[in-house]
Amino acid sequence: MDNMDFDKEKLIKYWIEGSDDDYETMIAMYKSKRFNWSLFIGHLMIEKLLKANFVKIKTDYPPFIHNLLRLAEKSDLDLTERIKEQLATITAFNINARYDDYKMSFKHRCTFEYTSEWIENLKDLRLWMKLKIKQ
């Protein structure tokens, strides 16, 4: 890509602000019991933070991918096995909420208990990513 007009700080801010907006939407969806959509938005929230981190580390535009584990690896994040597993699961939220063949089974899996657990995981990952971006 052409980096002549590349403004690293502006791009990082763009991704963080988008993620913050998605965080609020995720919580609103969760409170309204739209559990499958809250987890889908949670995926977007983490994706945007990973893209902000990519910009910070690589001083380049992030790749056009939605696989969170690949995004994390491409930005040289040091990942524990637990975080790798979480990123893989959260990536599936994106696929499961979008495609009709998966939607109903995903919606049934998104009980209050399941979603509550994953909302907490998403909140933790969000804080971890925000710390990484500030370092």
N, C-alpha and C. Protein backbone atom coordinates (compact mmCIF):
# COMPACT_ATOMS: atom_id res chain seq x y z
N MET A 1 0.84 -1.19 0.00
CA MET A 1 0.00 0.00 0.00
C MET A 1 0.88 1.25 0.00
N ASP A 2 0.31 2.31 -0.44
CA ASP A 2 1.02 3.58 -0.50
C ASP A 2 1.02 4.21 0.89
N ASN A 3 2.19 4.33 1.50
CA ASN A 3 2.31 4.86 2.85
C ASN A 3 2.64 6.35 2.88
N MET A 4 2.51 7.04 1.75
CA MET A 4 2.86 8.46 1.72
C MET A 4 1.97 9.27 2.65
N ASP A 5 0.69 8.91 2.74
CA ASP A 5 -0.24 9.63 3.60
C ASP A 5 -0.50 8.88 4.89
N PHE A 6 0.37 7.97 5.25
CA PHE A 6 0.18 7.13 6.42
C PHE A 6 0.39 7.95 7.69
N ASP A 7 -0.64 8.01 8.52
CA ASP A 7 -0.57 8.69 9.82
C ASP A 7 -0.80 7.63 10.88
N LYS A 8 0.28 7.10 11.41
CA LYS A 8 0.24 5.98 12.34
C LYS A 8 -0.68 6.24 13.54
N GLU A 9 -0.49 7.37 14.20
CA GLU A 9 -1.28 7.67 15.41
C GLU A 9 -2.76 7.83 15.09
N LYS A 10 -3.05 8.45 13.97
CA LYS A 10 -4.46 8.63 13.56
C LYS A 10 -5.11 7.28 13.27
N LEU A 11 -4.38 6.39 12.64
CA LEU A 11 -4.91 5.08 12.30
C LEU A 11 -5.12 4.22 13.56
N ILE A 12 -4.18 4.28 14.48
CA ILE A 12 -4.33 3.56 15.75
C ILE A 12 -5.56 4.09 16.49
N LYS A 13 -5.71 5.40 16.54
CA LYS A 13 -6.87 6.01 17.20
C LYS A 13 -8.17 5.56 16.53
N TYR A 14 -8.18 5.50 15.22
CA TYR A 14 -9.36 5.06 14.47
C TYR A 14 -9.79 3.66 14.90
N TRP A 15 -8.83 2.73 14.96
CA TRP A 15 -9.15 1.35 15.34
C TRP A 15 -9.59 1.26 16.80
N ILE A 16 -8.95 1.99 17.68
CA ILE A 16 -9.32 1.96 19.10
C ILE A 16 -10.72 2.53 19.30
N GLU A 17 -11.01 3.66 18.68
CA GLU A 17 -12.34 4.27 18.84
C GLU A 17 -13.43 3.35 18.29
N GLY A 18 -13.16 2.69 17.18
CA GLY A 18 -14.12 1.73 16.64
C GLY A 18 -14.34 0.58 17.60
N SER A 19 -13.27 0.12 18.20
CA SER A 19 -13.35 -0.96 19.17
C SER A 19 -14.14 -0.54 20.41
N ASP A 20 -13.90 0.68 20.88
CA ASP A 20 -14.63 1.18 22.05
C ASP A 20 -16.13 1.26 21.76
N ASP A 21 -16.48 1.69 20.56
CA ASP A 21 -17.89 1.74 20.17
C ASP A 21 -18.48 0.32 20.13
N ASP A 22 -17.71 -0.62 19.59
CA ASP A 22 -18.17 -2.01 19.56
C ASP A 22 -18.33 -2.58 20.96
N TYR A 23 -17.47 -2.17 21.88
CA TYR A 23 -17.59 -2.63 23.27
C TYR A 23 -18.95 -2.23 23.83
N GLU A 24 -19.32 -0.97 23.63
CA GLU A 24 -20.62 -0.49 24.13
C GLU A 24 -21.78 -1.25 23.47
N THR A 25 -21.64 -1.53 22.18
CA THR A 25 -22.68 -2.28 21.46
C THR A 25 -22.76 -3.71 21.97
N MET A 26 -21.61 -4.33 22.21
CA MET A 26 -21.57 -5.69 22.75
C MET A 26 -22.32 -5.76 24.08
N ILE A 27 -22.06 -4.80 24.96
CA ILE A 27 -22.71 -4.77 26.27
C ILE A 27 -24.22 -4.54 26.11
N ALA A 28 -24.61 -3.64 25.22
CA ALA A 28 -26.04 -3.37 24.99
C ALA A 28 -26.75 -4.63 24.45
N MET A 29 -26.11 -5.32 23.53
CA MET A 29 -26.69 -6.55 22.99
C MET A 29 -26.81 -7.62 24.08
N TYR A 30 -25.79 -7.71 24.92
CA TYR A 30 -25.81 -8.67 26.02
C TYR A 30 -26.95 -8.36 26.99
N LYS A 31 -27.09 -7.10 27.35
CA LYS A 31 -28.15 -6.69 28.28
C LYS A 31 -29.53 -6.93 27.69
N SER A 32 -29.66 -6.83 26.37
CA SER A 32 -30.96 -7.05 25.73
C SER A 32 -31.17 -8.53 25.38
N LYS A 33 -30.25 -9.37 25.85
CA LYS A 33 -30.34 -10.83 25.66
C LYS A 33 -30.19 -11.27 24.19
N ARG A 34 -29.53 -10.45 23.41
CA ARG A 34 -29.18 -10.83 22.03
C ARG A 34 -27.79 -11.43 22.08
N PHE A 35 -27.69 -12.58 22.72
CA PHE A 35 -26.41 -13.16 23.09
C PHE A 35 -25.51 -13.49 21.90
N ASN A 36 -26.07 -14.10 20.86
CA ASN A 36 -25.23 -14.44 19.71
C ASN A 36 -24.67 -13.18 19.05
N TRP A 37 -25.46 -12.11 19.00
CA TRP A 37 -24.98 -10.87 18.39
C TRP A 37 -23.98 -10.16 19.30
N SER A 38 -24.14 -10.29 20.60
CA SER A 38 -23.17 -9.67 21.50
C SER A 38 -21.79 -10.30 21.30
N LEU A 39 -21.76 -11.63 21.11
CA LEU A 39 -20.48 -12.30 20.89
C LEU A 39 -19.90 -11.97 19.52
N PHE A 40 -20.76 -11.82 18.52
CA PHE A 40 -20.30 -11.40 17.20
C PHE A 40 -19.63 -10.03 17.28
N ILE A 41 -20.28 -9.10 17.96
CA ILE A 41 -19.72 -7.75 18.11
C ILE A 41 -18.44 -7.80 18.95
N GLY A 42 -18.40 -8.72 19.92
CA GLY A 42 -17.17 -8.90 20.70
C GLY A 42 -16.00 -9.28 19.81
N HIS A 43 -16.26 -10.11 18.80
CA HIS A 43 -15.22 -10.45 17.83
C HIS A 43 -14.71 -9.20 17.13
N LEU A 44 -15.64 -8.35 16.67
CA LEU A 44 -15.24 -7.12 15.98
C LEU A 44 -14.41 -6.22 16.90
N MET A 45 -14.81 -6.16 18.17
CA MET A 45 -14.11 -5.32 19.13
C MET A 45 -12.64 -5.76 19.27
N ILE A 46 -12.42 -7.05 19.41
CA ILE A 46 -11.05 -7.56 19.55
C ILE A 46 -10.29 -7.43 18.24
N GLU A 47 -10.95 -7.69 17.13
CA GLU A 47 -10.30 -7.55 15.82
C GLU A 47 -9.74 -6.14 15.63
N LYS A 48 -10.51 -5.15 15.99
CA LYS A 48 -10.08 -3.76 15.82
C LYS A 48 -8.90 -3.42 16.72
N LEU A 49 -8.88 -3.96 17.92
CA LEU A 49 -7.71 -3.73 18.80
C LEU A 49 -6.48 -4.43 18.25
N LEU A 50 -6.65 -5.62 17.71
CA LEU A 50 -5.52 -6.31 17.09
C LEU A 50 -5.00 -5.53 15.89
N LYS A 51 -5.89 -4.92 15.15
CA LYS A 51 -5.47 -4.11 14.00
C LYS A 51 -4.76 -2.84 14.46
N ALA A 52 -5.23 -2.24 15.55
CA ALA A 52 -4.52 -1.08 16.12
C ALA A 52 -3.11 -1.49 16.53
N ASN A 53 -3.00 -2.64 17.16
CA ASN A 53 -1.68 -3.12 17.59
C ASN A 53 -0.79 -3.42 16.39
N PHE A 54 -1.37 -3.99 15.34
CA PHE A 54 -0.61 -4.25 14.12
C PHE A 54 -0.01 -2.96 13.57
N VAL A 55 -0.83 -1.93 13.50
CA VAL A 55 -0.36 -0.63 13.00
C VAL A 55 0.78 -0.12 13.88
N LYS A 56 0.62 -0.24 15.19
CA LYS A 56 1.66 0.23 16.12
C LYS A 56 2.98 -0.51 15.90
N ILE A 57 2.92 -1.82 15.77
CA ILE A 57 4.12 -2.64 15.66
C ILE A 57 4.76 -2.57 14.27
N LYS A 58 3.93 -2.65 13.24
CA LYS A 58 4.44 -2.77 11.87
C LYS A 58 4.52 -1.46 11.11
N THR A 59 3.92 -0.39 11.64
CA THR A 59 3.83 0.89 10.94
C THR A 59 3.38 0.66 9.50
N ASP A 60 2.26 -0.05 9.40
CA ASP A 60 1.66 -0.34 8.10
C ASP A 60 0.17 -0.58 8.31
N TYR A 61 -0.57 -0.60 7.21
CA TYR A 61 -1.99 -0.89 7.29
C TYR A 61 -2.17 -2.36 7.66
N PRO A 62 -3.18 -2.66 8.47
CA PRO A 62 -3.39 -4.07 8.85
C PRO A 62 -3.93 -4.88 7.67
N PRO A 63 -3.70 -6.18 7.71
CA PRO A 63 -4.21 -7.02 6.62
C PRO A 63 -5.73 -7.13 6.67
N PHE A 64 -6.32 -7.42 5.53
CA PHE A 64 -7.78 -7.56 5.42
C PHE A 64 -8.19 -8.98 5.78
N ILE A 65 -7.97 -9.34 7.04
CA ILE A 65 -8.36 -10.67 7.52
C ILE A 65 -9.14 -10.51 8.81
N HIS A 66 -9.91 -11.55 9.14
CA HIS A 66 -10.74 -11.52 10.35
C HIS A 66 -10.33 -12.59 11.35
N ASN A 67 -9.36 -13.41 10.99
CA ASN A 67 -8.88 -14.46 11.88
C ASN A 67 -8.02 -13.82 12.97
N LEU A 68 -8.53 -13.83 14.19
CA LEU A 68 -7.87 -13.11 15.28
C LEU A 68 -6.51 -13.68 15.63
N LEU A 69 -6.37 -14.98 15.60
CA LEU A 69 -5.08 -15.59 15.91
C LEU A 69 -4.04 -15.20 14.86
N ARG A 70 -4.41 -15.21 13.61
CA ARG A 70 -3.48 -14.79 12.55
C ARG A 70 -3.10 -13.32 12.70
N LEU A 71 -4.08 -12.48 13.03
CA LEU A 71 -3.78 -11.05 13.25
C LEU A 71 -2.80 -10.87 14.39
N ALA A 72 -3.03 -11.59 15.47
CA ALA A 72 -2.14 -11.49 16.63
C ALA A 72 -0.73 -11.96 16.28
N GLU A 73 -0.64 -13.05 15.56
CA GLU A 73 0.67 -13.57 15.16
C GLU A 73 1.38 -12.62 14.21
N LYS A 74 0.63 -12.02 13.28
CA LYS A 74 1.24 -11.09 12.32
C LYS A 74 1.76 -9.82 13.00
N SER A 75 1.22 -9.49 14.18
CA SER A 75 1.72 -8.31 14.89
C SER A 75 2.68 -8.69 16.01
N ASP A 76 3.20 -9.92 15.92
CA ASP A 76 4.28 -10.38 16.81
C ASP A 76 3.91 -10.36 18.29
N LEU A 77 2.64 -10.60 18.61
CA LEU A 77 2.24 -10.66 20.01
C LEU A 77 2.72 -11.97 20.62
N ASP A 78 3.19 -11.90 21.85
CA ASP A 78 3.59 -13.08 22.59
C ASP A 78 2.32 -13.65 23.23
N LEU A 79 1.88 -14.80 22.75
CA LEU A 79 0.59 -15.35 23.15
C LEU A 79 0.75 -16.61 23.99
N THR A 80 -0.02 -16.67 25.05
CA THR A 80 -0.11 -17.91 25.83
C THR A 80 -1.03 -18.87 25.08
N GLU A 81 -0.97 -20.14 25.45
CA GLU A 81 -1.87 -21.12 24.84
C GLU A 81 -3.33 -20.76 25.11
N ARG A 82 -3.60 -20.25 26.31
CA ARG A 82 -4.97 -19.87 26.66
C ARG A 82 -5.48 -18.75 25.74
N ILE A 83 -4.64 -17.74 25.51
CA ILE A 83 -5.05 -16.64 24.63
C ILE A 83 -5.23 -17.14 23.20
N LYS A 84 -4.35 -18.03 22.75
CA LYS A 84 -4.51 -18.59 21.40
C LYS A 84 -5.85 -19.30 21.27
N GLU A 85 -6.19 -20.10 22.27
CA GLU A 85 -7.47 -20.82 22.25
C GLU A 85 -8.65 -19.84 22.26
N GLN A 86 -8.54 -18.80 23.07
CA GLN A 86 -9.62 -17.81 23.12
C GLN A 86 -9.78 -17.11 21.78
N LEU A 87 -8.68 -16.72 21.17
CA LEU A 87 -8.76 -16.04 19.87
C LEU A 87 -9.38 -16.94 18.81
N ALA A 88 -9.04 -18.21 18.84
CA ALA A 88 -9.63 -19.16 17.88
C ALA A 88 -11.13 -19.29 18.10
N THR A 89 -11.55 -19.38 19.34
CA THR A 89 -12.98 -19.49 19.65
C THR A 89 -13.72 -18.22 19.26
N ILE A 90 -13.15 -17.08 19.58
CA ILE A 90 -13.80 -15.80 19.26
C ILE A 90 -13.89 -15.60 17.75
N THR A 91 -12.90 -16.06 17.01
CA THR A 91 -12.97 -16.00 15.55
C THR A 91 -14.18 -16.77 15.05
N ALA A 92 -14.49 -17.88 15.68
CA ALA A 92 -15.65 -18.68 15.28
C ALA A 92 -16.96 -17.92 15.52
N PHE A 93 -16.99 -17.01 16.49
CA PHE A 93 -18.20 -16.20 16.70
C PHE A 93 -18.53 -15.41 15.44
N ASN A 94 -17.52 -14.95 14.75
CA ASN A 94 -17.71 -14.18 13.51
C ASN A 94 -18.37 -15.05 12.45
N ILE A 95 -17.85 -16.25 12.27
CA ILE A 95 -18.38 -17.15 11.25
C ILE A 95 -19.77 -17.63 11.63
N ASN A 96 -19.93 -18.03 12.88
CA ASN A 96 -21.20 -18.61 13.33
C ASN A 96 -22.36 -17.62 13.30
N ALA A 97 -22.10 -16.36 13.51
CA ALA A 97 -23.17 -15.37 13.50
C ALA A 97 -23.52 -14.90 12.10
N ARG A 98 -22.62 -15.09 11.14
CA ARG A 98 -22.83 -14.57 9.79
C ARG A 98 -23.51 -15.53 8.84
N TYR A 99 -23.19 -16.80 8.94
CA TYR A 99 -23.60 -17.75 7.91
C TYR A 99 -24.79 -18.57 8.36
N ASP A 100 -25.81 -18.59 7.50
CA ASP A 100 -27.09 -19.21 7.84
C ASP A 100 -26.97 -20.65 8.33
N ASP A 101 -26.08 -21.44 7.74
CA ASP A 101 -25.99 -22.83 8.15
C ASP A 101 -25.49 -22.98 9.59
N TYR A 102 -24.82 -21.97 10.13
CA TYR A 102 -24.32 -22.03 11.49
C TYR A 102 -25.16 -21.23 12.49
N LYS A 103 -25.94 -20.28 11.99
CA LYS A 103 -26.62 -19.32 12.86
C LYS A 103 -27.47 -19.96 13.95
N MET A 104 -28.32 -20.90 13.58
CA MET A 104 -29.25 -21.46 14.56
C MET A 104 -28.52 -22.26 15.63
N SER A 105 -27.56 -23.07 15.24
CA SER A 105 -26.85 -23.86 16.26
C SER A 105 -26.04 -22.93 17.17
N PHE A 106 -25.48 -21.88 16.59
CA PHE A 106 -24.74 -20.91 17.41
C PHE A 106 -25.69 -20.19 18.37
N LYS A 107 -26.83 -19.78 17.88
CA LYS A 107 -27.81 -19.08 18.71
C LYS A 107 -28.23 -19.96 19.89
N HIS A 108 -28.41 -21.25 19.65
CA HIS A 108 -28.79 -22.17 20.73
C HIS A 108 -27.65 -22.38 21.73
N ARG A 109 -26.42 -22.33 21.25
CA ARG A 109 -25.26 -22.49 22.14
C ARG A 109 -25.10 -21.26 23.04
N CYS A 110 -25.55 -20.11 22.59
CA CYS A 110 -25.34 -18.85 23.31
C CYS A 110 -26.35 -18.68 24.44
N THR A 111 -26.25 -19.55 25.41
CA THR A 111 -27.08 -19.43 26.61
C THR A 111 -26.56 -18.25 27.45
N PHE A 112 -27.32 -17.91 28.46
CA PHE A 112 -26.87 -16.85 29.37
C PHE A 112 -25.51 -17.20 29.98
N GLU A 113 -25.35 -18.44 30.43
CA GLU A 113 -24.11 -18.87 31.08
C GLU A 113 -22.93 -18.82 30.11
N TYR A 114 -23.11 -19.39 28.93
CA TYR A 114 -22.05 -19.42 27.93
C TYR A 114 -21.64 -17.99 27.54
N THR A 115 -22.63 -17.19 27.24
CA THR A 115 -22.36 -15.81 26.81
C THR A 115 -21.73 -15.00 27.93
N SER A 116 -22.21 -15.16 29.15
CA SER A 116 -21.64 -14.42 30.28
C SER A 116 -20.16 -14.74 30.46
N GLU A 117 -19.82 -16.02 30.35
CA GLU A 117 -18.42 -16.43 30.46
C GLU A 117 -17.57 -15.78 29.37
N TRP A 118 -18.09 -15.79 28.13
CA TRP A 118 -17.32 -15.22 27.03
C TRP A 118 -17.28 -13.70 27.05
N ILE A 119 -18.31 -13.07 27.58
CA ILE A 119 -18.26 -11.61 27.72
C ILE A 119 -17.12 -11.24 28.68
N GLU A 120 -16.97 -12.00 29.76
CA GLU A 120 -15.87 -11.74 30.69
C GLU A 120 -14.52 -11.98 30.03
N ASN A 121 -14.40 -13.05 29.24
CA ASN A 121 -13.16 -13.31 28.50
C ASN A 121 -12.86 -12.17 27.53
N LEU A 122 -13.88 -11.69 26.85
CA LEU A 122 -13.71 -10.58 25.91
C LEU A 122 -13.27 -9.31 26.62
N LYS A 123 -13.85 -9.04 27.78
CA LYS A 123 -13.46 -7.87 28.56
C LYS A 123 -11.99 -7.97 28.97
N ASP A 124 -11.58 -9.16 29.42
CA ASP A 124 -10.18 -9.36 29.82
C ASP A 124 -9.23 -9.18 28.64
N LEU A 125 -9.59 -9.77 27.50
CA LEU A 125 -8.75 -9.61 26.30
C LEU A 125 -8.68 -8.15 25.86
N ARG A 126 -9.78 -7.46 25.99
CA ARG A 126 -9.82 -6.03 25.63
C ARG A 126 -8.82 -5.25 26.48
N LEU A 127 -8.84 -5.47 27.78
CA LEU A 127 -7.90 -4.77 28.67
C LEU A 127 -6.45 -5.14 28.35
N TRP A 128 -6.21 -6.43 28.11
CA TRP A 128 -4.86 -6.89 27.78
C TRP A 128 -4.37 -6.23 26.49
N MET A 129 -5.25 -6.18 25.49
CA MET A 129 -4.87 -5.56 24.21
C MET A 129 -4.62 -4.08 24.37
N LYS A 130 -5.45 -3.41 25.14
CA LYS A 130 -5.26 -1.95 25.35
C LYS A 130 -3.91 -1.68 26.03
N LEU A 131 -3.53 -2.54 26.96
CA LEU A 131 -2.21 -2.39 27.61
C LEU A 131 -1.09 -2.60 26.60
N LYS A 132 -1.23 -3.60 25.74
CA LYS A 132 -0.23 -3.87 24.72
C LYS A 132 -0.06 -2.67 23.78
N ILE A 133 -1.16 -2.06 23.43
CA ILE A 133 -1.11 -0.94 22.50
C ILE A 133 -0.42 0.26 23.15
N LYS A 134 -0.63 0.45 24.45
CA LYS A 134 -0.02 1.60 25.16
C LYS A 134 1.46 1.41 25.43
N GLN A 135 1.94 0.16 25.43
CA GLN A 135 3.36 -0.09 25.75
C GLN A 135 4.29 0.48 24.70
